[in-house]
PDB file of N, CA and C in Angstrom:
ATOM      1  N   MET A   1      42.755 100.881 237.793  1.00  0.00           N
ATOM      2  CA  MET A   1      42.990 101.013 236.365  1.00  0.00           C
ATOM      3  C   MET A   1      44.264 101.807 236.130  1.00  0.00           C
ATOM      4  N   SER A   2      45.109 101.289 235.290  1.00  0.00           N
ATOM      5  CA  SER A   2      46.384 101.932 235.031  1.00  0.00           C
ATOM      6  C   SER A   2      46.299 102.939 233.889  1.00  0.00           C
ATOM      7  N   GLY A   3      45.142 103.045 233.209  1.00  0.00           N
ATOM      8  CA  GLY A   3      44.974 103.995 232.123  1.00  0.00           C
ATOM      9  C   GLY A   3      45.293 103.420 230.759  1.00  0.00           C
ATOM     10  N   GLU A   4      45.803 102.200 230.695  1.00  0.00           N
ATOM     11  CA  GLU A   4      46.105 101.562 229.423  1.00  0.00           C
ATOM     12  C   GLU A   4      44.886 100.792 228.946  1.00  0.00           C
ATOM     13  N   PRO A   5      44.627 100.798 227.598  1.00  0.00           N
ATOM     14  CA  PRO A   5      43.464 100.076 227.087  1.00  0.00           C
ATOM     15  C   PRO A   5      43.643  98.565 227.260  1.00  0.00           C
ATOM     16  N   SER A   6      42.512  97.910 227.430  1.00  0.00           N
ATOM     17  CA  SER A   6      42.539  96.457 227.586  1.00  0.00           C
ATOM     18  C   SER A   6      42.764  95.798 226.232  1.00  0.00           C
ATOM     19  N   ASP A   7      43.037  94.497 226.270  1.00  0.00           N
ATOM     20  CA  ASP A   7      43.245  93.754 225.027  1.00  0.00           C
ATOM     21  C   ASP A   7      42.018  93.818 224.127  1.00  0.00           C
ATOM     22  N   GLU A   8      40.836  93.771 224.737  1.00  0.00           N
ATOM     23  CA  GLU A   8      39.588  93.833 223.953  1.00  0.00           C
ATOM     24  C   GLU A   8      39.463  95.184 223.247  1.00  0.00           C
ATOM     25  N   GLU A   9      39.775  96.250 223.952  1.00  0.00           N
ATOM     26  CA  GLU A   9      39.695  97.582 223.366  1.00  0.00           C
ATOM     27  C   GLU A   9      40.710  97.732 222.235  1.00  0.00           C
ATOM     28  N   LEU A  10      41.911  97.217 222.443  1.00  0.00           N
ATOM     29  CA  LEU A  10      42.936  97.272 221.396  1.00  0.00           C
ATOM     30  C   LEU A  10      42.490  96.503 220.153  1.00  0.00           C
ATOM     31  N   GLU A  11      41.917  95.341 220.359  1.00  0.00           N
ATOM     32  CA  GLU A  11      41.440  94.526 219.236  1.00  0.00           C
ATOM     33  C   GLU A  11      40.329  95.259 218.470  1.00  0.00           C
ATOM     34  N   LYS A  12      39.442  95.888 219.242  1.00  0.00           N
ATOM     35  CA  LYS A  12      38.334  96.633 218.622  1.00  0.00           C
ATOM     36  C   LYS A  12      38.884  97.798 217.779  1.00  0.00           C
ATOM     37  N   LEU A  13      39.879  98.517 218.335  1.00  0.00           N
ATOM     38  CA  LEU A  13      40.492  99.621 217.597  1.00  0.00           C
ATOM     39  C   LEU A  13      41.183  99.122 216.330  1.00  0.00           C
ATOM     40  N   ARG A  14      41.859  97.981 216.395  1.00  0.00           N
ATOM     41  CA  ARG A  14      42.523  97.403 215.225  1.00  0.00           C
ATOM     42  C   ARG A  14      41.504  97.064 214.140  1.00  0.00           C
ATOM     43  N   GLU A  15      40.387  96.456 214.556  1.00  0.00           N
ATOM     44  CA  GLU A  15      39.341  96.087 213.591  1.00  0.00           C
ATOM     45  C   GLU A  15      38.773  97.330 212.911  1.00  0.00           C
ATOM     46  N   GLU A  16      38.521  98.375 213.685  1.00  0.00           N
ATOM     47  CA  GLU A  16      37.983  99.607 213.114  1.00  0.00           C
ATOM     48  C   GLU A  16      38.971 100.208 212.109  1.00  0.00           C
ATOM     49  N   LYS A  17      40.240 100.213 212.474  1.00  0.00           N
ATOM     50  CA  LYS A  17      41.273 100.752 211.593  1.00  0.00           C
ATOM     51  C   LYS A  17      41.358  99.938 210.301  1.00  0.00           C
ATOM     52  N   MET A  18      41.276  98.611 210.407  1.00  0.00           N
ATOM     53  CA  MET A  18      41.308  97.744 209.226  1.00  0.00           C
ATOM     54  C   MET A  18      40.109  98.021 208.318  1.00  0.00           C
ATOM     55  N   GLU A  19      38.927  98.198 208.918  1.00  0.00           N
ATOM     56  CA  GLU A  19      37.732  98.501 208.132  1.00  0.00           C
ATOM     57  C   GLU A  19      37.896  99.833 207.395  1.00  0.00           C
ATOM     58  N   GLN A  20      38.456 100.826 208.094  1.00  0.00           N
ATOM     59  CA  GLN A  20      38.673 102.124 207.458  1.00  0.00           C
ATOM     60  C   GLN A  20      39.630 101.995 206.273  1.00  0.00           C
ATOM     61  N   LEU A  21      40.700 101.242 206.454  1.00  0.00           N
ATOM     62  CA  LEU A  21      41.658 101.037 205.372  1.00  0.00           C
ATOM     63  C   LEU A  21      41.022 100.322 204.190  1.00  0.00           C
ATOM     64  N   GLN A  22      40.224  99.302 204.481  1.00  0.00           N
ATOM     65  CA  GLN A  22      39.550  98.565 203.404  1.00  0.00           C
ATOM     66  C   GLN A  22      38.571  99.465 202.662  1.00  0.00           C
ATOM     67  N   ASP A  23      37.807 100.271 203.415  1.00  0.00           N
ATOM     68  CA  ASP A  23      36.862 101.198 202.783  1.00  0.00           C
ATOM     69  C   ASP A  23      37.599 102.185 201.877  1.00  0.00           C
ATOM     70  N   ARG A  24      38.725 102.693 202.360  1.00  0.00           N
ATOM     71  CA  ARG A  24      39.506 103.647 201.581  1.00  0.00           C
ATOM     72  C   ARG A  24      40.032 102.984 200.307  1.00  0.00           C
ATOM     73  N   GLN A  25      40.522 101.759 200.428  1.00  0.00           N
ATOM     74  CA  GLN A  25      41.046 101.043 199.261  1.00  0.00           C
ATOM     75  C   GLN A  25      39.940 100.763 198.252  1.00  0.00           C
ATOM     76  N   GLU A  26      38.759 100.378 198.745  1.00  0.00           N
ATOM     77  CA  GLU A  26      37.629 100.126 197.838  1.00  0.00           C
ATOM     78  C   GLU A  26      37.221 101.408 197.130  1.00  0.00           C
ATOM     79  N   GLY A  27      37.207 102.516 197.863  1.00  0.00           N
ATOM     80  CA  GLY A  27      36.856 103.805 197.268  1.00  0.00           C
ATOM     81  C   GLY A  27      37.854 104.214 196.200  1.00  0.00           C
ATOM     82  N   GLU A  28      39.133 104.009 196.478  1.00  0.00           N
ATOM     83  CA  GLU A  28      40.169 104.347 195.499  1.00  0.00           C
ATOM     84  C   GLU A  28      40.067 103.457 194.271  1.00  0.00           C
ATOM     85  N   ALA A  29      39.760 102.176 194.468  1.00  0.00           N
ATOM     86  CA  ALA A  29      39.625 101.250 193.334  1.00  0.00           C
ATOM     87  C   ALA A  29      38.428 101.646 192.464  1.00  0.00           C
ATOM     88  N   ALA A  30      37.328 102.029 193.105  1.00  0.00           N
ATOM     89  CA  ALA A  30      36.139 102.443 192.348  1.00  0.00           C
ATOM     90  C   ALA A  30      36.436 103.723 191.561  1.00  0.00           C
ATOM     91  N   GLU A  31      37.140 104.651 192.191  1.00  0.00           N
ATOM     92  CA  GLU A  31      37.498 105.903 191.515  1.00  0.00           C
ATOM     93  C   GLU A  31      38.418 105.625 190.328  1.00  0.00           C
ATOM     94  N   GLU A  32      39.353 104.711 190.514  1.00  0.00           N
ATOM     95  CA  GLU A  32      40.264 104.333 189.443  1.00  0.00           C
ATOM     96  C   GLU A  32      39.499 103.713 188.271  1.00  0.00           C
ATOM     97  N   ALA A  33      38.516 102.873 188.587  1.00  0.00           N
ATOM     98  CA  ALA A  33      37.712 102.237 187.534  1.00  0.00           C
ATOM     99  C   ALA A  33      36.908 103.284 186.771  1.00  0.00           C
ATOM    100  N   ARG A  34      36.334 104.252 187.490  1.00  0.00           N
ATOM    101  CA  ARG A  34      35.569 105.322 186.823  1.00  0.00           C
ATOM    102  C   ARG A  34      36.475 106.144 185.916  1.00  0.00           C
ATOM    103  N   GLU A  35      37.685 106.449 186.393  1.00  0.00           N
ATOM    104  CA  GLU A  35      38.634 107.219 185.601  1.00  0.00           C
ATOM    105  C   GLU A  35      39.023 106.449 184.348  1.00  0.00           C
ATOM    106  N   LYS A  36      39.232 105.153 184.484  1.00  0.00           N
ATOM    107  CA  LYS A  36      39.600 104.317 183.339  1.00  0.00           C
ATOM    108  C   LYS A  36      38.469 104.292 182.305  1.00  0.00           C
ATOM    109  N   GLN A  37      37.218 104.182 182.778  1.00  0.00           N
ATOM    110  CA  GLN A  37      36.066 104.192 181.868  1.00  0.00           C
ATOM    111  C   GLN A  37      35.961 105.536 181.147  1.00  0.00           C
ATOM    112  N   ARG A  38      36.194 106.623 181.884  1.00  0.00           N
ATOM    113  CA  ARG A  38      36.118 107.954 181.276  1.00  0.00           C
ATOM    114  C   ARG A  38      37.183 108.092 180.195  1.00  0.00           C
ATOM    115  N   GLU A  39      38.397 107.621 180.482  1.00  0.00           N
ATOM    116  CA  GLU A  39      39.471 107.689 179.497  1.00  0.00           C
ATOM    117  C   GLU A  39      39.142 106.837 178.269  1.00  0.00           C
ATOM    118  N   GLN A  40      38.521 105.688 178.497  1.00  0.00           N
ATOM    119  CA  GLN A  40      38.152 104.806 177.387  1.00  0.00           C
ATOM    120  C   GLN A  40      37.096 105.478 176.501  1.00  0.00           C
ATOM    121  N   ARG A  41      36.082 106.088 177.130  1.00  0.00           N
ATOM    122  CA  ARG A  41      35.046 106.796 176.361  1.00  0.00           C
ATOM    123  C   ARG A  41      35.652 107.938 175.563  1.00  0.00           C
ATOM    124  N   GLU A  42      36.586 108.660 176.192  1.00  0.00           N
ATOM    125  CA  GLU A  42      37.247 109.782 175.514  1.00  0.00           C
ATOM    126  C   GLU A  42      38.043 109.280 174.304  1.00  0.00           C
ATOM    127  N   ALA A  43      38.740 108.167 174.462  1.00  0.00           N
ATOM    128  CA  ALA A  43      39.530 107.599 173.358  1.00  0.00           C
ATOM    129  C   ALA A  43      38.616 107.148 172.218  1.00  0.00           C
ATOM    130  N   GLN A  44      37.475 106.539 172.560  1.00  0.00           N
ATOM    131  CA  GLN A  44      36.522 106.111 171.531  1.00  0.00           C
ATOM    132  C   GLN A  44      35.964 107.317 170.784  1.00  0.00           C
ATOM    133  N   LYS A  45      35.668 108.387 171.540  1.00  0.00           N
ATOM    134  CA  LYS A  45      35.118 109.593 170.913  1.00  0.00           C
ATOM    135  C   LYS A  45      36.145 110.188 169.950  1.00  0.00           C
ATOM    136  N   LYS A  46      37.406 110.279 170.378  1.00  0.00           N
ATOM    137  CA  LYS A  46      38.447 110.833 169.517  1.00  0.00           C
ATOM    138  C   LYS A  46      38.634 109.982 168.258  1.00  0.00           C
ATOM    139  N   ALA A  47      38.593 108.670 168.414  1.00  0.00           N
ATOM    140  CA  ALA A  47      38.743 107.776 167.255  1.00  0.00           C
ATOM    141  C   ALA A  47      37.586 107.984 166.284  1.00  0.00           C
ATOM    142  N   MET A  48      36.390 108.125 166.811  1.00  0.00           N
ATOM    143  CA  MET A  48      35.220 108.325 165.956  1.00  0.00           C
ATOM    144  C   MET A  48      35.307 109.665 165.229  1.00  0.00           C
ATOM    145  N   LEU A  49      35.757 110.702 165.938  1.00  0.00           N
ATOM    146  CA  LEU A  49      35.901 112.018 165.305  1.00  0.00           C
ATOM    147  C   LEU A  49      36.965 111.971 164.209  1.00  0.00           C
ATOM    148  N   ARG A  50      38.081 111.283 164.470  1.00  0.00           N
ATOM    149  CA  ARG A  50      39.129 111.157 163.446  1.00  0.00           C
ATOM    150  C   ARG A  50      38.596 110.437 162.214  1.00  0.00           C
ATOM    151  N   LYS A  51      37.752 109.450 162.443  1.00  0.00           N
ATOM    152  CA  LYS A  51      37.225 108.658 161.334  1.00  0.00           C
ATOM    153  C   LYS A  51      36.231 109.452 160.486  1.00  0.00           C
ATOM    154  N   HIS A  52      35.422 110.292 161.130  1.00  0.00           N
ATOM    155  CA  HIS A  52      34.317 110.945 160.419  1.00  0.00           C
ATOM    156  C   HIS A  52      34.553 112.412 160.065  1.00  0.00           C
ATOM    157  N   LEU A  53      35.673 112.998 160.516  1.00  0.00           N
ATOM    158  CA  LEU A  53      35.941 114.400 160.196  1.00  0.00           C
ATOM    159  C   LEU A  53      37.197 114.512 159.336  1.00  0.00           C
ATOM    160  N   THR A  54      37.154 115.432 158.374  1.00  0.00           N
ATOM    161  CA  THR A  54      38.373 115.712 157.610  1.00  0.00           C
ATOM    162  C   THR A  54      39.311 116.526 158.503  1.00  0.00           C
ATOM    163  N   ASP A  55      40.552 116.687 158.059  1.00  0.00           N
ATOM    164  CA  ASP A  55      41.526 117.444 158.846  1.00  0.00           C
ATOM    165  C   ASP A  55      41.063 118.878 159.086  1.00  0.00           C
ATOM    166  N   GLU A  56      40.508 119.502 158.050  1.00  0.00           N
ATOM    167  CA  GLU A  56      40.054 120.894 158.182  1.00  0.00           C
ATOM    168  C   GLU A  56      38.917 121.001 159.194  1.00  0.00           C
ATOM    169  N   ALA A  57      37.975 120.072 159.126  1.00  0.00           N
ATOM    170  CA  ALA A  57      36.838 120.098 160.052  1.00  0.00           C
ATOM    171  C   ALA A  57      37.326 119.869 161.491  1.00  0.00           C
ATOM    172  N   ARG A  58      38.303 118.975 161.659  1.00  0.00           N
ATOM    173  CA  ARG A  58      38.852 118.717 162.998  1.00  0.00           C
ATOM    174  C   ARG A  58      39.579 119.950 163.533  1.00  0.00           C
ATOM    175  N   LYS A  59      40.291 120.639 162.660  1.00  0.00           N
ATOM    176  CA  LYS A  59      40.987 121.861 163.077  1.00  0.00           C
ATOM    177  C   LYS A  59      39.977 122.920 163.519  1.00  0.00           C
ATOM    178  N   ARG A  60      38.899 123.060 162.749  1.00  0.00           N
ATOM    179  CA  ARG A  60      37.865 124.036 163.095  1.00  0.00           C
ATOM    180  C   ARG A  60      37.243 123.689 164.452  1.00  0.00           C
ATOM    181  N   LEU A  61      36.971 122.420 164.661  1.00  0.00           N
ATOM    182  CA  LEU A  61      36.381 121.985 165.931  1.00  0.00           C
ATOM    183  C   LEU A  61      37.349 122.246 167.089  1.00  0.00           C
ATOM    184  N   ASN A  62      38.627 121.965 166.889  1.00  0.00           N
ATOM    185  CA  ASN A  62      39.618 122.217 167.940  1.00  0.00           C
ATOM    186  C   ASN A  62      39.723 123.695 168.265  1.00  0.00           C
ATOM    187  N   THR A  63      39.637 124.540 167.248  1.00  0.00           N
ATOM    188  CA  THR A  63      39.680 125.983 167.468  1.00  0.00           C
ATOM    189  C   THR A  63      38.484 126.421 168.308  1.00  0.00           C
ATOM    190  N   ILE A  64      37.330 125.879 168.001  1.00  0.00           N
ATOM    191  CA  ILE A  64      36.112 126.217 168.752  1.00  0.00           C
ATOM    192  C   ILE A  64      36.240 125.748 170.192  1.00  0.00           C
ATOM    193  N   LYS A  65      36.774 124.529 170.378  1.00  0.00           N
ATOM    194  CA  LYS A  65      36.929 124.006 171.737  1.00  0.00           C
ATOM    195  C   LYS A  65      37.866 124.880 172.562  1.00  0.00           C
ATOM    196  N   MET A  66      38.843 125.500 171.907  1.00  0.00           N
ATOM    197  CA  MET A  66      39.762 126.372 172.640  1.00  0.00           C
ATOM    198  C   MET A  66      39.049 127.639 173.122  1.00  0.00           C
ATOM    199  N   SER A  67      38.200 128.197 172.265  1.00  0.00           N
ATOM    200  CA  SER A  67      37.546 129.455 172.630  1.00  0.00           C
ATOM    201  C   SER A  67      36.266 129.245 173.427  1.00  0.00           C
ATOM    202  N   LYS A  68      35.527 128.192 173.096  1.00  0.00           N
ATOM    203  CA  LYS A  68      34.264 127.916 173.787  1.00  0.00           C
ATOM    204  C   LYS A  68      34.197 126.420 174.109  1.00  0.00           C
ATOM    205  N   PRO A  69      34.821 125.995 175.223  1.00  0.00           N
ATOM    206  CA  PRO A  69      34.908 124.558 175.530  1.00  0.00           C
ATOM    207  C   PRO A  69      33.553 123.845 175.624  1.00  0.00           C
ATOM    208  N   GLU A  70      32.557 124.494 176.234  1.00  0.00           N
ATOM    209  CA  GLU A  70      31.246 123.843 176.387  1.00  0.00           C
ATOM    210  C   GLU A  70      30.586 123.637 175.026  1.00  0.00           C
ATOM    211  N   PHE A  71      30.659 124.661 174.189  1.00  0.00           N
ATOM    212  CA  PHE A  71      30.056 124.573 172.858  1.00  0.00           C
ATOM    213  C   PHE A  71      30.788 123.528 172.018  1.00  0.00           C
ATOM    214  N   GLY A  72      32.124 123.507 172.114  1.00  0.00           N
ATOM    215  CA  GLY A  72      32.922 122.519 171.384  1.00  0.00           C
ATOM    216  C   GLY A  72      32.557 121.106 171.797  1.00  0.00           C
ATOM    217  N   GLU A  73      32.345 120.898 173.091  1.00  0.00           N
ATOM    218  CA  GLU A  73      31.949 119.581 173.601  1.00  0.00           C
ATOM    219  C   GLU A  73      30.572 119.197 173.059  1.00  0.00           C
ATOM    220  N   GLN A  74      29.672 120.173 173.005  1.00  0.00           N
ATOM    221  CA  GLN A  74      28.334 119.935 172.470  1.00  0.00           C
ATOM    222  C   GLN A  74      28.408 119.519 171.003  1.00  0.00           C
ATOM    223  N   VAL A  75      29.246 120.169 170.238  1.00  0.00           N
ATOM    224  CA  VAL A  75      29.403 119.846 168.817  1.00  0.00           C
ATOM    225  C   VAL A  75      29.974 118.440 168.670  1.00  0.00           C
ATOM    226  N   GLU A  76      30.981 118.118 169.484  1.00  0.00           N
ATOM    227  CA  GLU A  76      31.558 116.767 169.435  1.00  0.00           C
ATOM    228  C   GLU A  76      30.494 115.717 169.718  1.00  0.00           C
ATOM    229  N   GLN A  77      29.688 115.954 170.750  1.00  0.00           N
ATOM    230  CA  GLN A  77      28.630 115.000 171.094  1.00  0.00           C
ATOM    231  C   GLN A  77      27.642 114.828 169.933  1.00  0.00           C
ATOM    232  N   GLN A  78      27.328 115.926 169.259  1.00  0.00           N
ATOM    233  CA  GLN A  78      26.401 115.876 168.121  1.00  0.00           C
ATOM    234  C   GLN A  78      26.995 115.052 166.986  1.00  0.00           C
ATOM    235  N   VAL A  79      28.269 115.273 166.684  1.00  0.00           N
ATOM    236  CA  VAL A  79      28.931 114.536 165.602  1.00  0.00           C
ATOM    237  C   VAL A  79      28.979 113.045 165.942  1.00  0.00           C
ATOM    238  N   VAL A  80      29.307 112.721 167.190  1.00  0.00           N
ATOM    239  CA  VAL A  80      29.359 111.316 167.622  1.00  0.00           C
ATOM    240  C   VAL A  80      27.973 110.688 167.519  1.00  0.00           C
ATOM    241  N   ALA A  81      26.951 111.430 167.936  1.00  0.00           N
ATOM    242  CA  ALA A  81      25.587 110.915 167.851  1.00  0.00           C
ATOM    243  C   ALA A  81      25.187 110.662 166.400  1.00  0.00           C
ATOM    244  N   LEU A  82      25.538 111.580 165.512  1.00  0.00           N
ATOM    245  CA  LEU A  82      25.235 111.404 164.087  1.00  0.00           C
ATOM    246  C   LEU A  82      25.959 110.170 163.537  1.00  0.00           C
ATOM    247  N   ALA A  83      27.210 109.993 163.937  1.00  0.00           N
ATOM    248  CA  ALA A  83      27.991 108.853 163.452  1.00  0.00           C
ATOM    249  C   ALA A  83      27.419 107.541 163.976  1.00  0.00           C
ATOM    250  N   GLN A  84      27.042 107.514 165.250  1.00  0.00           N
ATOM    251  CA  GLN A  84      26.510 106.291 165.838  1.00  0.00           C
ATOM    252  C   GLN A  84      25.166 105.909 165.243  1.00  0.00           C
ATOM    253  N   SER A  85      24.395 106.915 164.856  1.00  0.00           N
ATOM    254  CA  SER A  85      23.082 106.615 164.285  1.00  0.00           C
ATOM    255  C   SER A  85      23.170 106.297 162.792  1.00  0.00           C
ATOM    256  N   GLY A  86      24.366 106.432 162.220  1.00  0.00           N
ATOM    257  CA  GLY A  86      24.551 106.111 160.807  1.00  0.00           C
ATOM    258  C   GLY A  86      24.069 107.188 159.861  1.00  0.00           C
ATOM    259  N   ARG A  87      23.911 108.402 160.365  1.00  0.00           N
ATOM    260  CA  ARG A  87      23.385 109.480 159.522  1.00  0.00           C
ATOM    261  C   ARG A  87      24.485 110.269 158.821  1.00  0.00           C
ATOM    262  N   ILE A  88      25.734 109.826 158.943  1.00  0.00           N
ATOM    263  CA  ILE A  88      26.836 110.499 158.247  1.00  0.00           C
ATOM    264  C   ILE A  88      27.227 109.659 157.037  1.00  0.00           C
ATOM    265  N   GLN A  89      27.086 110.253 155.866  1.00  0.00           N
ATOM    266  CA  GLN A  89      27.552 109.587 154.647  1.00  0.00           C
ATOM    267  C   GLN A  89      28.908 110.187 154.315  1.00  0.00           C
ATOM    268  N   GLY A  90      29.909 109.354 154.237  1.00  0.00           N
ATOM    269  CA  GLY A  90      31.256 109.855 153.962  1.00  0.00           C
ATOM    270  C   GLY A  90      31.820 110.524 155.196  1.00  0.00           C
ATOM    271  N   ARG A  91      32.584 111.584 154.954  1.00  0.00           N
ATOM    272  CA  ARG A  91      33.186 112.308 156.057  1.00  0.00           C
ATOM    273  C   ARG A  91      32.648 113.725 156.101  1.00  0.00           C
ATOM    274  N   ILE A  92      32.688 114.320 157.267  1.00  0.00           N
ATOM    275  CA  ILE A  92      32.255 115.707 157.422  1.00  0.00           C
ATOM    276  C   ILE A  92      33.436 116.603 157.057  1.00  0.00           C
ATOM    277  N   ASP A  93      33.239 117.408 156.019  1.00  0.00           N
ATOM    278  CA  ASP A  93      34.298 118.332 155.627  1.00  0.00           C
ATOM    279  C   ASP A  93      34.059 119.685 156.304  1.00  0.00           C
ATOM    280  N   ASP A  94      34.856 120.651 155.955  1.00  0.00           N
ATOM    281  CA  ASP A  94      34.783 121.958 156.601  1.00  0.00           C
ATOM    282  C   ASP A  94      33.424 122.628 156.368  1.00  0.00           C
ATOM    283  N   GLU A  95      32.889 122.499 155.157  1.00  0.00           N
ATOM    284  CA  GLU A  95      31.589 123.129 154.855  1.00  0.00           C
ATOM    285  C   GLU A  95      30.459 122.498 155.673  1.00  0.00           C
ATOM    286  N   LYS A  96      30.463 121.170 155.776  1.00  0.00           N
ATOM    287  CA  LYS A  96      29.438 120.496 156.589  1.00  0.00           C
ATOM    288  C   LYS A  96      29.593 120.871 158.060  1.00  0.00           C
ATOM    289  N   MET A  97      30.857 121.012 158.505  1.00  0.00           N
ATOM    290  CA  MET A  97      31.100 121.400 159.891  1.00  0.00           C
ATOM    291  C   MET A  97      30.547 122.795 160.147  1.00  0.00           C
ATOM    292  N   LYS A  98      30.727 123.703 159.201  1.00  0.00           N
ATOM    293  CA  LYS A  98      30.177 125.048 159.349  1.00  0.00           C
ATOM    294  C   LYS A  98      28.655 124.994 159.479  1.00  0.00           C
ATOM    295  N   ALA A  99      28.022 124.126 158.686  1.00  0.00           N
ATOM    296  CA  ALA A  99      26.565 123.995 158.753  1.00  0.00           C
ATOM    297  C   ALA A  99      26.128 123.452 160.116  1.00  0.00           C
ATOM    298  N   ILE A 100      26.853 122.466 160.617  1.00  0.00           N
ATOM    299  CA  ILE A 100      26.522 121.905 161.937  1.00  0.00           C
ATOM    300  C   ILE A 100      26.682 122.975 163.013  1.00  0.00           C
ATOM    301  N   LEU A 101      27.749 123.743 162.911  1.00  0.00           N
ATOM    302  CA  LEU A 101      27.985 124.798 163.900  1.00  0.00           C
ATOM    303  C   LEU A 101      26.879 125.846 163.857  1.00  0.00           C
ATOM    304  N   LYS A 102      26.468 126.178 162.657  1.00  0.00           N
ATOM    305  CA  LYS A 102      25.402 127.179 162.517  1.00  0.00           C
ATOM    306  C   LYS A 102      24.099 126.678 163.142  1.00  0.00           C
ATOM    307  N   GLU A 103      23.809 125.387 162.947  1.00  0.00           N
ATOM    308  CA  GLU A 103      22.596 124.800 163.532  1.00  0.00           C
ATOM    309  C   GLU A 103      22.646 124.794 165.051  1.00  0.00           C
ATOM    310  N   LEU A 104      23.794 124.464 165.604  1.00  0.00           N
ATOM    311  CA  LEU A 104      23.899 124.312 167.053  1.00  0.00           C
ATOM    312  C   LEU A 104      24.124 125.622 167.790  1.00  0.00           C
ATOM    313  N   GLN A 105      24.536 126.663 167.056  1.00  0.00           N
ATOM    314  CA  GLN A 105      24.788 127.937 167.716  1.00  0.00           C
ATOM    315  C   GLN A 105      23.494 128.522 168.247  1.00  0.00           C
ATOM    316  N   PRO A 106      23.520 129.010 169.478  1.00  0.00           N
ATOM    317  CA  PRO A 106      22.293 129.624 170.006  1.00  0.00           C
ATOM    318  C   PRO A 106      21.956 130.888 169.234  1.00  0.00           C
ATOM    319  N   GLU A 107      20.672 131.116 169.137  1.00  0.00           N
ATOM    320  CA  GLU A 107      20.208 132.303 168.418  1.00  0.00           C
ATOM    321  C   GLU A 107      20.680 133.551 169.152  1.00  0.00           C
ATOM    322  N   GLU A 108      21.210 134.482 168.386  1.00  0.00           N
ATOM    323  CA  GLU A 108      21.620 135.737 169.008  1.00  0.00           C
ATOM    324  C   GLU A 108      20.387 136.580 169.241  1.00  0.00           C
ATOM    325  N   GLN A 109      20.341 137.146 170.417  1.00  0.00           N
ATOM    326  CA  GLN A 109      19.202 137.996 170.732  1.00  0.00           C
ATOM    327  C   GLN A 109      19.554 139.433 170.378  1.00  0.00           C
ATOM    328  N   SER A 110      18.599 140.076 169.754  1.00  0.00           N
ATOM    329  CA  SER A 110      18.826 141.495 169.470  1.00  0.00           C
ATOM    330  C   SER A 110      17.886 142.297 170.360  1.00  0.00           C
ATOM    331  N   TYR A 111      18.378 143.379 170.811  1.00  0.00           N
ATOM    332  CA  TYR A 111      17.600 144.216 171.691  1.00  0.00           C
ATOM    333  C   TYR A 111      17.283 145.522 170.981  1.00  0.00           C
ATOM    334  N   ASP A 112      16.010 145.830 170.922  1.00  0.00           N
ATOM    335  CA  ASP A 112      15.590 147.109 170.361  1.00  0.00           C
ATOM    336  C   ASP A 112      15.413 148.079 171.511  1.00  0.00           C
ATOM    337  N   ILE A 113      16.256 149.064 171.540  1.00  0.00           N
ATOM    338  CA  ILE A 113      16.147 150.057 172.603  1.00  0.00           C
ATOM    339  C   ILE A 113      15.659 151.352 171.968  1.00  0.00           C
ATOM    340  N   ARG A 114      14.521 151.777 172.411  1.00  0.00           N
ATOM    341  CA  ARG A 114      13.949 153.020 171.887  1.00  0.00           C
ATOM    342  C   ARG A 114      13.974 154.079 172.971  1.00  0.00           C
ATOM    343  N   ARG A 115      14.461 155.199 172.600  1.00  0.00           N
ATOM    344  CA  ARG A 115      14.487 156.303 173.570  1.00  0.00           C
ATOM    345  C   ARG A 115      13.269 157.180 173.332  1.00  0.00           C
ATOM    346  N   ARG A 116      12.715 157.645 174.404  1.00  0.00           N
ATOM    347  CA  ARG A 116      11.535 158.492 174.279  1.00  0.00           C
ATOM    348  C   ARG A 116      11.873 159.948 174.449  1.00  0.00           C
TER     349      ARG A 116
END
């Protein structure tokens, strides 16, 4: 044996390499499709928010998203759900947005500390 791989071994290595490349390409294509779907959902959500919120309400929501991103996302989801279910008459103005925020805000806990 001269230490060089045989033709069969070389062919087997080529096939394995081709399979790896195909798997990688399929994985990248699937990831690209998921990213495209996520971007599409985000665009639909933004369009729905623009349609159902006044400028003031949108500004308030954006301010909240800057300070509390998770809470802002929760509020957006609630507004989208209300719009999809048809429970929004007209547009949500700043006062209605304040009411929605008050409803969704977690209850503040107060602690009574008594010293003995």
